[in-house]
């Protein structure tokens, strides 16, 4: 009974966070009458990066890096997704993903005080996180150092209620202000050519398949599946974010999150205008799956080649090296990727741009009778984020990430990509179905190499014209190995119009 009460309390904390986010974001929704996709006023955003040293049992210290993307909800409130990961120490591979809510006051010109609460799930690197739920209340003082940048000091408490980590510490924070531009109108309507880049500024999304051959290993030891979001510039430079997880081989549970910078050029612009070669460097956090990344800080350098066979589509390949800053990881990387332009109306080739429905979905998921590596079966709970992009009125593609917060599976995470079919938006009640594939691992869960399949049938109720509460049911199946695992989920979605084709 005590265990059940703890589980209900954890679910209530996370469900309350989703509810607060949904109510806050529902208020500023603008009317999207008509089919013209003129740009609405951008939603103000705050991107926050932080670093702090967390004390683990027996005095061990772990450097924790956090990244949050907070959307302004009015009256000083902001909320959004956030992820924390180990960067120094010996816990490379510890990741926790969830939701952060923050309130900000400007108490003096150029000075801001922010209070925040983060709730999420995850773990890794054998850290004593229990079932994975992490709570982090924080107080941060920020000083403006430019029109968009702030630098600050934070005081926070990192607590894993079902684990052994309970630490208070000071940290450093860097924040910059931005905007999330979205469009009015319905899917398929014409977008204004003067709208500019919509969303968070990324204009290409790529699905990646990567192989690592570790130095000294007789065969490829890890195959990863992932995705990369990029912003490209006319001079050939680009920057982006990418994430991947082990889907086959000997490293189930390995995960990485990286920032990237690249440059490319067309050797023969007249003969082959869309064939480009270049280089890319990346740095960030990685670990898990017994991959020796030390504290978790890793870097990559690769040569790149890409070609666009049709407007809006690109295929590419990369080859290079990856290494850990403080661990023994040394490996060669080979990668293939398929990219799709998110903003083809602004690439100089595909006109005119159109309004494309895009959904951000926060989700709590309960999986029953999950097979563990010791042969037992027990339930677990995850918190996650979905990004859905519609290709017509009914069909959408989806990218998803989920991390455990209850069920004695701290460090269990999944990354999924796939497609869904749903009834037409704009009705009070909708239904849909999703089919997904991806990678999972960690937390003592048996995933037979990491590759999984997942299907979900859902029904949604429109709380506002642009937001829905959804209830879903389905199953998760390792590609090789055990029986399917039943699951149910509760989700809240918010739809935006983006520039597309």
Protein backbone atom coordinates (compact mmCIF):
# COMPACT_ATOMS: atom_id res chain seq x y z
CA UNK A 1 0.00 0.00 0.00
CA UNK A 2 2.85 2.40 0.84
CA UNK A 3 4.47 1.72 -2.54
CA UNK A 4 1.15 2.40 -4.29
CA UNK A 5 0.73 5.68 -2.43
CA UNK A 6 4.25 6.76 -3.43
CA UNK A 7 3.50 5.94 -7.06
CA UNK A 8 0.25 7.92 -6.95
CA UNK A 9 2.07 10.88 -5.37
CA UNK A 10 4.73 10.85 -8.11
CA UNK A 11 2.09 10.65 -10.82
CA UNK A 12 0.17 13.48 -9.19
CA UNK A 13 3.26 15.72 -9.16
CA UNK A 14 3.87 15.18 -12.88
CA UNK A 15 0.20 15.31 -13.86
CA UNK A 16 -0.13 18.56 -11.92
CA UNK A 17 2.81 19.97 -13.88
CA UNK A 18 1.12 19.01 -17.16
CA UNK A 19 -2.18 20.50 -16.02
CA UNK A 20 -0.57 23.79 -14.95
CA UNK A 21 1.22 23.99 -18.29
CA UNK A 22 -1.96 23.29 -20.20
CA UNK A 23 -4.03 25.88 -18.36
CA UNK A 24 -1.29 28.52 -18.64
CA UNK A 25 -0.74 27.99 -22.34
CA UNK A 26 -4.44 27.82 -23.21
CA UNK A 27 -5.06 31.41 -22.12
CA UNK A 28 -3.01 33.33 -24.74
CA UNK A 29 -4.22 31.33 -27.74
CA UNK A 30 -5.17 33.62 -30.59
CA UNK A 31 -8.08 33.05 -32.91
CA UNK A 32 -7.00 31.30 -36.09
CA UNK A 33 -9.86 32.31 -38.29
CA UNK A 34 -9.49 32.07 -42.02
CA UNK A 35 -7.03 30.17 -44.17
CA UNK A 36 -4.29 32.76 -44.52
CA UNK A 37 -1.11 31.86 -42.68
CA UNK A 38 0.07 35.27 -41.55
CA UNK A 39 2.50 35.18 -38.64
CA UNK A 40 1.05 35.56 -35.17
CA UNK A 41 3.00 37.52 -32.58
CA UNK A 42 5.88 35.21 -31.56
CA UNK A 43 5.66 33.49 -28.19
CA UNK A 44 8.58 34.75 -26.14
CA UNK A 45 11.02 32.01 -25.15
CA UNK A 46 13.91 31.73 -22.72
CA UNK A 47 16.65 29.18 -23.32
CA UNK A 48 18.47 28.42 -20.09
CA UNK A 49 21.75 26.52 -19.64
CA UNK A 50 23.14 25.73 -16.21
CA UNK A 51 25.97 23.91 -14.49
CA UNK A 52 26.22 22.74 -10.89
CA UNK A 53 28.11 20.11 -8.87
CA UNK A 54 25.81 17.61 -7.17
CA UNK A 55 26.95 15.63 -4.12
CA UNK A 56 26.30 11.89 -4.34
CA UNK A 57 26.55 9.39 -1.46
CA UNK A 58 30.03 8.85 0.02
CA UNK A 59 30.99 12.39 -0.99
CA UNK A 60 31.25 11.73 -4.74
CA UNK A 61 30.78 14.84 -6.90
CA UNK A 62 29.01 14.90 -10.26
CA UNK A 63 28.92 17.87 -12.63
CA UNK A 64 25.34 18.31 -13.84
CA UNK A 65 24.48 20.32 -16.97
CA UNK A 66 20.89 21.40 -17.55
CA UNK A 67 19.11 22.83 -20.57
CA UNK A 68 15.57 24.26 -20.53
CA UNK A 69 13.39 25.79 -23.23
CA UNK A 70 10.75 27.89 -21.49
CA UNK A 71 7.71 29.40 -23.24
CA UNK A 72 6.20 32.61 -21.86
CA UNK A 73 2.68 32.00 -20.50
CA UNK A 74 2.03 35.53 -19.25
CA UNK A 75 2.13 37.24 -15.83
CA UNK A 76 5.78 36.27 -15.36
CA UNK A 77 5.15 32.54 -15.77
CA UNK A 78 6.99 30.27 -18.22
CA UNK A 79 7.19 26.53 -18.74
CA UNK A 80 8.66 24.00 -21.11
CA UNK A 81 10.77 20.88 -21.61
CA UNK A 82 14.11 20.47 -19.85
CA UNK A 83 16.87 17.86 -19.73
CA UNK A 84 19.74 17.34 -17.28
CA UNK A 85 22.82 15.19 -17.82
CA UNK A 86 26.14 14.29 -16.20
CA UNK A 87 29.17 16.13 -17.62
CA UNK A 88 31.97 15.54 -15.09
CA UNK A 89 32.76 12.91 -12.49
CA UNK A 90 32.21 9.20 -13.18
CA UNK A 91 28.50 9.10 -14.10
CA UNK A 92 28.55 9.68 -17.84
CA UNK A 93 25.24 8.48 -19.24
CA UNK A 94 23.01 9.88 -16.49
CA UNK A 95 20.15 11.76 -18.20
CA UNK A 96 16.89 13.08 -16.76
CA UNK A 97 14.15 14.56 -18.98
CA UNK A 98 11.01 16.37 -17.86
CA UNK A 99 9.15 19.66 -17.50
CA UNK A 100 10.17 22.91 -15.80
CA UNK A 101 7.86 25.69 -14.55
CA UNK A 102 9.35 29.08 -13.66
CA UNK A 103 8.17 32.45 -12.38
CA UNK A 104 10.29 35.58 -12.93
CA UNK A 105 10.34 39.04 -11.33
CA UNK A 106 12.39 42.03 -12.45
CA UNK A 107 13.23 43.51 -9.06
CA UNK A 108 15.62 46.17 -10.43
CA UNK A 109 16.54 47.46 -13.90
CA UNK A 110 18.64 44.73 -15.51
CA UNK A 111 18.13 42.25 -12.64
CA UNK A 112 15.72 39.30 -12.55
CA UNK A 113 14.81 36.82 -9.80
CA UNK A 114 13.44 33.46 -10.96
CA UNK A 115 11.90 30.66 -8.92
CA UNK A 116 11.40 27.33 -10.62
CA UNK A 117 10.39 23.71 -10.14
CA UNK A 118 11.58 20.88 -12.37
CA UNK A 119 10.08 17.36 -12.39
CA UNK A 120 11.37 14.60 -14.62
CA UNK A 121 12.49 11.01 -14.93
CA UNK A 122 15.69 9.24 -15.84
CA UNK A 123 19.02 8.05 -14.47
CA UNK A 124 21.93 5.97 -15.70
CA UNK A 125 25.58 5.11 -15.01
CA UNK A 126 24.53 3.09 -11.93
CA UNK A 127 23.70 6.30 -10.07
CA UNK A 128 21.44 5.69 -7.01
CA UNK A 129 18.32 7.30 -8.51
CA UNK A 130 15.78 4.69 -7.37
CA UNK A 131 12.83 4.67 -9.74
CA UNK A 132 14.14 7.76 -11.55
CA UNK A 133 11.92 10.63 -10.42
CA UNK A 134 13.95 13.83 -9.97
CA UNK A 135 12.66 17.05 -8.38
CA UNK A 136 14.67 20.24 -8.53
CA UNK A 137 13.37 23.46 -6.96
CA UNK A 138 15.66 26.40 -7.68
CA UNK A 139 16.14 30.11 -7.07
CA UNK A 140 18.17 32.03 -9.68
CA UNK A 141 19.35 35.64 -9.79
CA UNK A 142 20.02 36.83 -13.37
CA UNK A 143 21.83 39.96 -14.64
CA UNK A 144 21.31 41.33 -18.14
CA UNK A 145 24.61 41.36 -20.08
CA UNK A 146 23.10 42.43 -23.39
CA UNK A 147 19.75 42.89 -25.11
CA UNK A 148 19.13 39.13 -25.19
CA UNK A 149 21.65 37.52 -22.79
CA UNK A 150 21.58 37.01 -19.03
CA UNK A 151 24.15 35.56 -16.64
CA UNK A 152 23.24 34.35 -13.19
CA UNK A 153 23.82 32.30 -10.05
CA UNK A 154 21.41 29.57 -8.93
CA UNK A 155 20.71 27.88 -5.62
CA UNK A 156 19.02 24.51 -6.12
CA UNK A 157 18.15 21.24 -4.43
CA UNK A 158 18.41 18.04 -6.48
CA UNK A 159 16.31 15.25 -4.97
CA UNK A 160 15.54 11.72 -6.19
CA UNK A 161 12.75 10.82 -3.72
CA UNK A 162 13.03 7.05 -4.23
CA UNK A 163 16.84 7.09 -4.49
CA UNK A 164 19.80 8.19 -2.42
CA UNK A 165 20.66 11.52 -4.07
CA UNK A 166 19.68 14.57 -2.03
CA UNK A 167 21.95 17.53 -2.65
CA UNK A 168 21.86 21.30 -2.27
CA UNK A 169 24.31 23.42 -4.26
CA UNK A 170 25.09 26.69 -6.04
CA UNK A 171 25.46 26.83 -9.81
CA UNK A 172 26.00 29.06 -12.83
CA UNK A 173 23.29 29.91 -15.37
CA UNK A 174 23.30 31.44 -18.85
CA UNK A 175 20.05 32.46 -20.55
CA UNK A 176 19.06 34.09 -23.80
CA UNK A 177 15.74 35.40 -24.98
CA UNK A 178 14.17 34.36 -28.25
CA UNK A 179 10.84 33.81 -29.92
CA UNK A 180 8.67 30.99 -31.23
CA UNK A 181 7.06 32.24 -34.43
CA UNK A 182 3.90 30.48 -35.57
CA UNK A 183 1.19 31.06 -38.16
CA UNK A 184 -2.55 31.50 -38.12
CA UNK A 185 -4.77 29.52 -40.48
CA UNK A 186 -5.41 25.84 -41.04
CA UNK A 187 -3.29 23.06 -42.53
CA UNK A 188 -2.74 23.58 -46.26
CA UNK A 189 -3.57 27.29 -46.27
CA UNK A 190 -1.18 29.72 -47.96
CA UNK A 191 1.53 31.18 -45.75
CA UNK A 192 2.85 34.68 -46.18
CA UNK A 193 6.26 34.71 -47.91
CA UNK A 194 7.32 37.40 -45.44
CA UNK A 195 6.70 35.22 -42.38
CA UNK A 196 10.35 34.17 -42.05
CA UNK A 197 11.53 31.01 -40.36
CA UNK A 198 8.84 29.65 -38.02
CA UNK A 199 9.09 27.50 -34.91
CA UNK A 200 12.43 27.62 -33.10
CA UNK A 201 14.39 28.55 -36.22
CA UNK A 202 15.31 25.05 -37.44
CA UNK A 203 14.75 24.59 -41.17
CA UNK A 204 15.73 20.93 -41.63
CA UNK A 205 15.11 17.71 -39.72
CA UNK A 206 17.20 14.60 -40.41
CA UNK A 207 16.79 10.98 -39.34
CA UNK A 208 20.18 9.39 -38.61
CA UNK A 209 21.55 5.84 -38.55
CA UNK A 210 25.03 5.58 -37.01
CA UNK A 211 27.57 2.83 -36.42
CA UNK A 212 30.40 3.09 -33.89
CA UNK A 213 33.44 0.81 -34.19
CA UNK A 214 35.28 1.08 -30.91
CA UNK A 215 39.06 1.14 -31.06
CA UNK A 216 40.36 -2.38 -30.54
CA UNK A 217 36.98 -4.04 -31.17
CA UNK A 218 36.92 -6.74 -33.87
CA UNK A 219 33.46 -5.73 -35.15
CA UNK A 220 30.98 -2.86 -34.97
CA UNK A 221 29.85 -2.74 -31.34
CA UNK A 222 26.98 -0.25 -31.46
CA UNK A 223 24.35 0.85 -33.91
CA UNK A 224 22.43 4.03 -33.08
CA UNK A 225 19.17 5.55 -34.32
CA UNK A 226 18.48 9.24 -33.87
CA UNK A 227 17.53 12.63 -35.27
CA UNK A 228 19.11 16.03 -35.90
CA UNK A 229 17.48 19.47 -36.18
CA UNK A 230 19.45 22.11 -38.13
CA UNK A 231 19.46 25.78 -39.04
CA UNK A 232 21.31 26.48 -42.30
CA UNK A 233 22.66 29.74 -43.70
CA UNK A 234 23.30 30.94 -47.24
CA UNK A 235 27.10 30.96 -46.71
CA UNK A 236 27.16 27.20 -46.09
CA UNK A 237 27.36 27.29 -42.30
CA UNK A 238 24.86 25.44 -40.10
CA UNK A 239 24.22 24.68 -36.46
CA UNK A 240 21.90 22.23 -34.77
CA UNK A 241 21.03 19.75 -32.06
CA UNK A 242 21.09 15.97 -32.35
CA UNK A 243 20.25 12.99 -30.19
CA UNK A 244 20.67 9.24 -30.68
CA UNK A 245 20.36 6.00 -28.73
CA UNK A 246 21.67 2.46 -29.18
CA UNK A 247 19.33 0.27 -31.23
CA UNK A 248 21.54 -2.78 -31.83
CA UNK A 249 24.82 -4.31 -30.80
CA UNK A 250 26.45 -4.45 -27.38
CA UNK A 251 25.54 -1.01 -25.99
CA UNK A 252 21.80 -1.12 -25.19
CA UNK A 253 21.09 1.88 -22.93
CA UNK A 254 23.68 4.21 -24.51
CA UNK A 255 22.38 7.70 -25.31
CA UNK A 256 23.89 11.00 -26.47
CA UNK A 257 22.69 14.61 -26.81
CA UNK A 258 24.94 16.97 -28.79
CA UNK A 259 25.16 20.45 -30.24
CA UNK A 260 26.63 20.63 -33.74
CA UNK A 261 28.31 23.19 -36.03
CA UNK A 262 28.98 22.45 -39.71
CA UNK A 263 30.20 24.04 -42.93
CA UNK A 264 29.78 22.82 -46.50
CA UNK A 265 30.22 23.99 -50.09
CA UNK A 266 29.30 22.85 -53.59
CA UNK A 267 32.49 21.84 -55.51
CA UNK A 268 30.75 22.09 -58.89
CA UNK A 269 27.81 24.48 -58.45
CA UNK A 270 27.01 24.62 -62.15
CA UNK A 271 27.18 20.88 -62.84
CA UNK A 272 25.92 19.52 -59.47
CA UNK A 273 24.36 22.43 -57.57
CA UNK A 274 22.86 20.30 -54.76
CA UNK A 275 25.93 18.10 -54.10
CA UNK A 276 27.90 19.47 -51.15
CA UNK A 277 30.91 18.38 -49.11
CA UNK A 278 32.11 19.73 -45.79
CA UNK A 279 32.85 19.05 -42.13
CA UNK A 280 30.95 18.95 -38.87
CA UNK A 281 32.00 19.10 -35.22
CA UNK A 282 29.77 18.22 -32.29
CA UNK A 283 30.02 18.24 -28.52
CA UNK A 284 27.76 17.30 -25.65
CA UNK A 285 26.85 14.52 -23.26
CA UNK A 286 26.77 10.75 -23.76
CA UNK A 287 26.99 7.48 -21.89
CA UNK A 288 25.23 4.39 -20.63
CA UNK A 289 25.23 0.88 -22.04
CA UNK A 290 28.68 0.22 -20.53
CA UNK A 291 30.25 2.68 -23.00
CA UNK A 292 33.25 4.26 -21.15
CA UNK A 293 32.52 7.99 -21.39
CA UNK A 294 33.83 8.87 -17.91
CA UNK A 295 32.04 11.98 -16.69
CA UNK A 296 29.90 12.10 -19.86
CA UNK A 297 31.46 14.89 -21.94
CA UNK A 298 32.10 13.72 -25.53
CA UNK A 299 33.07 15.26 -28.87
CA UNK A 300 32.93 14.34 -32.57
CA UNK A 301 34.58 15.48 -35.80
CA UNK A 302 33.39 14.20 -39.18
CA UNK A 303 33.67 14.81 -42.88
CA UNK A 304 30.30 15.21 -44.61
CA UNK A 305 28.75 14.75 -48.03
CA UNK A 306 25.14 15.40 -49.07
CA UNK A 307 22.95 15.52 -52.15
CA UNK A 308 19.40 16.71 -52.74
CA UNK A 309 17.63 14.43 -55.27
CA UNK A 310 14.38 16.44 -55.10
CA UNK A 311 13.30 19.79 -53.66
CA UNK A 312 12.84 19.49 -49.91
CA UNK A 313 14.73 16.17 -49.54
CA UNK A 314 18.41 15.49 -48.83
CA UNK A 315 20.45 12.33 -48.29
CA UNK A 316 23.89 12.42 -46.72
CA UNK A 317 26.73 10.54 -45.12
CA UNK A 318 29.45 11.29 -42.59
CA UNK A 319 32.64 9.60 -41.43
CA UNK A 320 34.88 10.59 -38.56
CA UNK A 321 35.89 10.11 -34.94
CA UNK A 322 34.25 10.29 -31.51
CA UNK A 323 36.02 10.41 -28.16
CA UNK A 324 35.29 11.11 -24.52
CA UNK A 325 36.96 14.02 -22.75
CA UNK A 326 37.65 12.06 -19.55
CA UNK A 327 36.85 8.45 -20.43
CA UNK A 328 38.28 5.65 -22.54
CA UNK A 329 35.80 6.00 -25.41
CA UNK A 330 37.59 6.16 -28.76
CA UNK A 331 35.71 5.11 -31.88
CA UNK A 332 35.23 5.59 -35.59
CA UNK A 333 31.80 6.79 -36.69
CA UNK A 334 29.96 6.15 -39.94
CA UNK A 335 26.55 7.75 -40.41
CA UNK A 336 23.82 7.87 -43.05
CA UNK A 337 20.97 10.35 -42.82
CA UNK A 338 17.79 11.43 -44.58
CA UNK A 339 16.78 15.08 -44.25
CA UNK A 340 13.51 16.86 -44.94
CA UNK A 341 13.20 20.64 -45.22
CA UNK A 342 10.87 22.09 -42.60
CA UNK A 343 10.75 25.51 -44.27
CA UNK A 344 10.81 24.80 -48.04
CA UNK A 345 9.14 28.11 -48.76
CA UNK A 346 12.37 29.82 -47.67
CA UNK A 347 14.97 27.61 -49.40
CA UNK A 348 14.85 29.52 -52.68
CA UNK A 349 13.52 26.55 -54.66
CA UNK A 350 10.06 25.56 -53.44
CA UNK A 351 7.30 28.17 -53.58
CA UNK A 352 4.89 29.15 -52.21
CA UNK A 353 5.08 28.18 -48.53
CA UNK A 354 1.97 26.72 -46.88
CA UNK A 355 0.68 26.34 -43.33
CA UNK A 356 1.59 22.98 -41.77
CA UNK A 357 0.05 21.80 -38.50
CA UNK A 358 2.67 20.96 -35.84
CA UNK A 359 1.90 19.60 -32.36
CA UNK A 360 3.91 19.59 -29.14
CA UNK A 361 2.61 16.82 -26.86
CA UNK A 362 3.52 16.27 -23.19
CA UNK A 363 2.73 12.71 -22.07
CA UNK A 364 2.67 10.42 -19.03
CA UNK A 365 2.81 6.71 -19.89
CA UNK A 366 2.22 3.58 -17.80
CA UNK A 367 3.64 0.27 -19.06
CA UNK A 368 2.45 -2.98 -17.48
CA UNK A 369 4.38 -6.24 -17.00
CA UNK A 370 7.69 -4.98 -18.40
CA UNK A 371 10.33 -7.72 -18.63
CA UNK A 372 13.45 -7.06 -16.56
CA UNK A 373 16.92 -8.46 -17.09
CA UNK A 374 16.54 -10.68 -14.00
CA UNK A 375 13.51 -12.40 -15.61
CA UNK A 376 10.86 -10.68 -13.48
CA UNK A 377 8.03 -8.51 -14.80
CA UNK A 378 6.72 -5.32 -13.21
CA UNK A 379 5.15 -2.03 -14.25
CA UNK A 380 6.94 1.25 -14.89
CA UNK A 381 5.92 4.87 -15.60
CA UNK A 382 7.52 7.40 -17.94
CA UNK A 383 7.28 11.10 -18.73
CA UNK A 384 7.83 12.17 -22.33
CA UNK A 385 7.55 14.66 -25.16
CA UNK A 386 6.20 14.14 -28.69
CA UNK A 387 6.62 16.38 -31.74
CA UNK A 388 4.07 15.72 -34.48
CA UNK A 389 4.19 17.31 -37.95
CA UNK A 390 1.26 16.80 -40.31
CA UNK A 391 1.81 15.98 -43.98
CA UNK A 392 -1.90 16.43 -44.83
CA UNK A 393 -5.16 16.86 -42.89
CA UNK A 394 -5.00 13.34 -41.46
CA UNK A 395 -1.43 11.92 -41.57
CA UNK A 396 1.47 13.06 -39.39
CA UNK A 397 5.05 12.04 -38.64
CA UNK A 398 6.13 11.86 -35.00
CA UNK A 399 9.34 11.98 -32.96
CA UNK A 400 9.17 11.03 -29.28
CA UNK A 401 11.33 10.66 -26.16
CA UNK A 402 10.27 9.07 -22.85
CA UNK A 403 12.13 8.50 -19.53
CA UNK A 404 11.13 6.45 -16.46
CA UNK A 405 10.19 8.17 -13.21
CA UNK A 406 8.60 5.25 -11.31
CA UNK A 407 8.68 1.46 -11.29
CA UNK A 408 12.27 0.73 -10.17
CA UNK A 409 13.59 1.45 -13.68
CA UNK A 410 15.58 4.64 -13.19
CA UNK A 411 17.74 5.21 -16.32
CA UNK A 412 15.21 3.56 -18.66
CA UNK A 413 14.58 5.78 -21.70
CA UNK A 414 13.12 5.39 -25.19
CA UNK A 415 13.46 7.36 -28.43
CA UNK A 416 10.90 6.75 -31.18
CA UNK A 417 10.06 7.90 -34.70
CA UNK A 418 7.08 6.95 -36.82
CA UNK A 419 3.76 8.08 -38.25
CA UNK A 420 0.15 8.47 -37.23
CA UNK A 421 -3.31 8.87 -38.70
CA UNK A 422 -5.94 11.03 -36.97
CA UNK A 423 -9.39 12.40 -37.68
CA UNK A 424 -9.62 15.97 -38.95
CA UNK A 425 -8.59 18.71 -36.47
CA UNK A 426 -11.19 21.24 -35.37
CA UNK A 427 -13.75 18.77 -34.02
CA UNK A 428 -14.56 18.45 -30.29
CA UNK A 429 -13.51 14.78 -30.20
CA UNK A 430 -10.79 13.16 -32.31
CA UNK A 431 -9.28 9.70 -32.60
CA UNK A 432 -5.91 8.59 -33.95
CA UNK A 433 -3.43 5.75 -34.18
CA UNK A 434 0.40 5.80 -34.13
CA UNK A 435 2.98 3.24 -35.32
CA UNK A 436 6.55 3.87 -34.16
CA UNK A 437 10.00 2.31 -34.06
CA UNK A 438 13.12 3.26 -32.14
CA UNK A 439 15.53 2.42 -29.36
CA UNK A 440 15.16 1.76 -25.62
CA UNK A 441 17.38 0.67 -22.78
CA UNK A 442 18.68 1.15 -19.27
CA UNK A 443 17.12 0.70 -15.87
CA UNK A 444 17.47 -3.06 -15.86
CA UNK A 445 14.79 -3.43 -18.55
CA UNK A 446 15.31 -6.26 -21.06
CA UNK A 447 15.19 -4.75 -24.56
CA UNK A 448 17.25 -7.36 -26.47
CA UNK A 449 19.74 -4.97 -28.07
CA UNK A 450 17.58 -1.84 -27.83
CA UNK A 451 15.36 -1.86 -30.94
CA UNK A 452 11.62 -1.60 -30.19
CA UNK A 453 8.25 -1.17 -31.91
CA UNK A 454 5.28 0.68 -30.40
CA UNK A 455 1.65 1.21 -31.39
CA UNK A 456 -0.88 3.51 -29.68
CA UNK A 457 -4.59 4.15 -30.30
CA UNK A 458 -5.75 7.45 -28.81
CA UNK A 459 -8.86 9.60 -28.33
CA UNK A 460 -8.69 13.36 -27.75
CA UNK A 461 -10.97 16.06 -26.37
CA UNK A 462 -10.43 19.66 -27.52
CA UNK A 463 -10.00 21.83 -24.43
CA UNK A 464 -9.47 24.88 -26.70
CA UNK A 465 -9.31 25.29 -30.50
CA UNK A 466 -5.57 24.53 -30.42
CA UNK A 467 -5.13 22.15 -27.46
CA UNK A 468 -6.34 18.65 -26.59
CA UNK A 469 -6.35 16.22 -23.70
CA UNK A 470 -5.69 12.70 -24.98
CA UNK A 471 -6.06 9.21 -23.56
CA UNK A 472 -4.29 6.36 -25.36
CA UNK A 473 -3.73 2.61 -25.12
CA UNK A 474 -1.34 0.33 -26.98
CA UNK A 475 1.68 -1.90 -26.68
CA UNK A 476 5.49 -1.86 -26.85
CA UNK A 477 7.35 -4.79 -28.44
CA UNK A 478 11.13 -5.38 -28.46
CA UNK A 479 12.14 -6.19 -32.03
CA UNK A 480 13.82 -9.34 -30.76
CA UNK A 481 12.86 -11.19 -27.63
CA UNK A 482 10.02 -10.90 -25.16
CA UNK A 483 6.26 -10.55 -25.47
CA UNK A 484 4.58 -7.20 -26.08
CA UNK A 485 4.07 -4.88 -23.09
CA UNK A 486 0.63 -3.21 -22.70
CA UNK A 487 0.63 0.54 -22.08
CA UNK A 488 -1.74 3.44 -21.40
CA UNK A 489 -0.97 7.16 -21.65
CA UNK A 490 -2.36 10.56 -20.69
CA UNK A 491 -1.26 13.48 -22.88
CA UNK A 492 -1.83 17.17 -23.48
CA UNK A 493 -1.15 18.64 -26.93
CA UNK A 494 -0.77 22.18 -28.28
CA UNK A 495 -0.94 22.80 -32.03
CA UNK A 496 0.79 25.55 -34.02
CA UNK A 497 0.83 26.53 -37.67
CA UNK A 498 4.30 26.33 -39.24
CA UNK A 499 5.60 27.29 -42.65
CA UNK A 500 5.91 24.20 -44.86
CA UNK A 501 4.89 22.80 -48.24
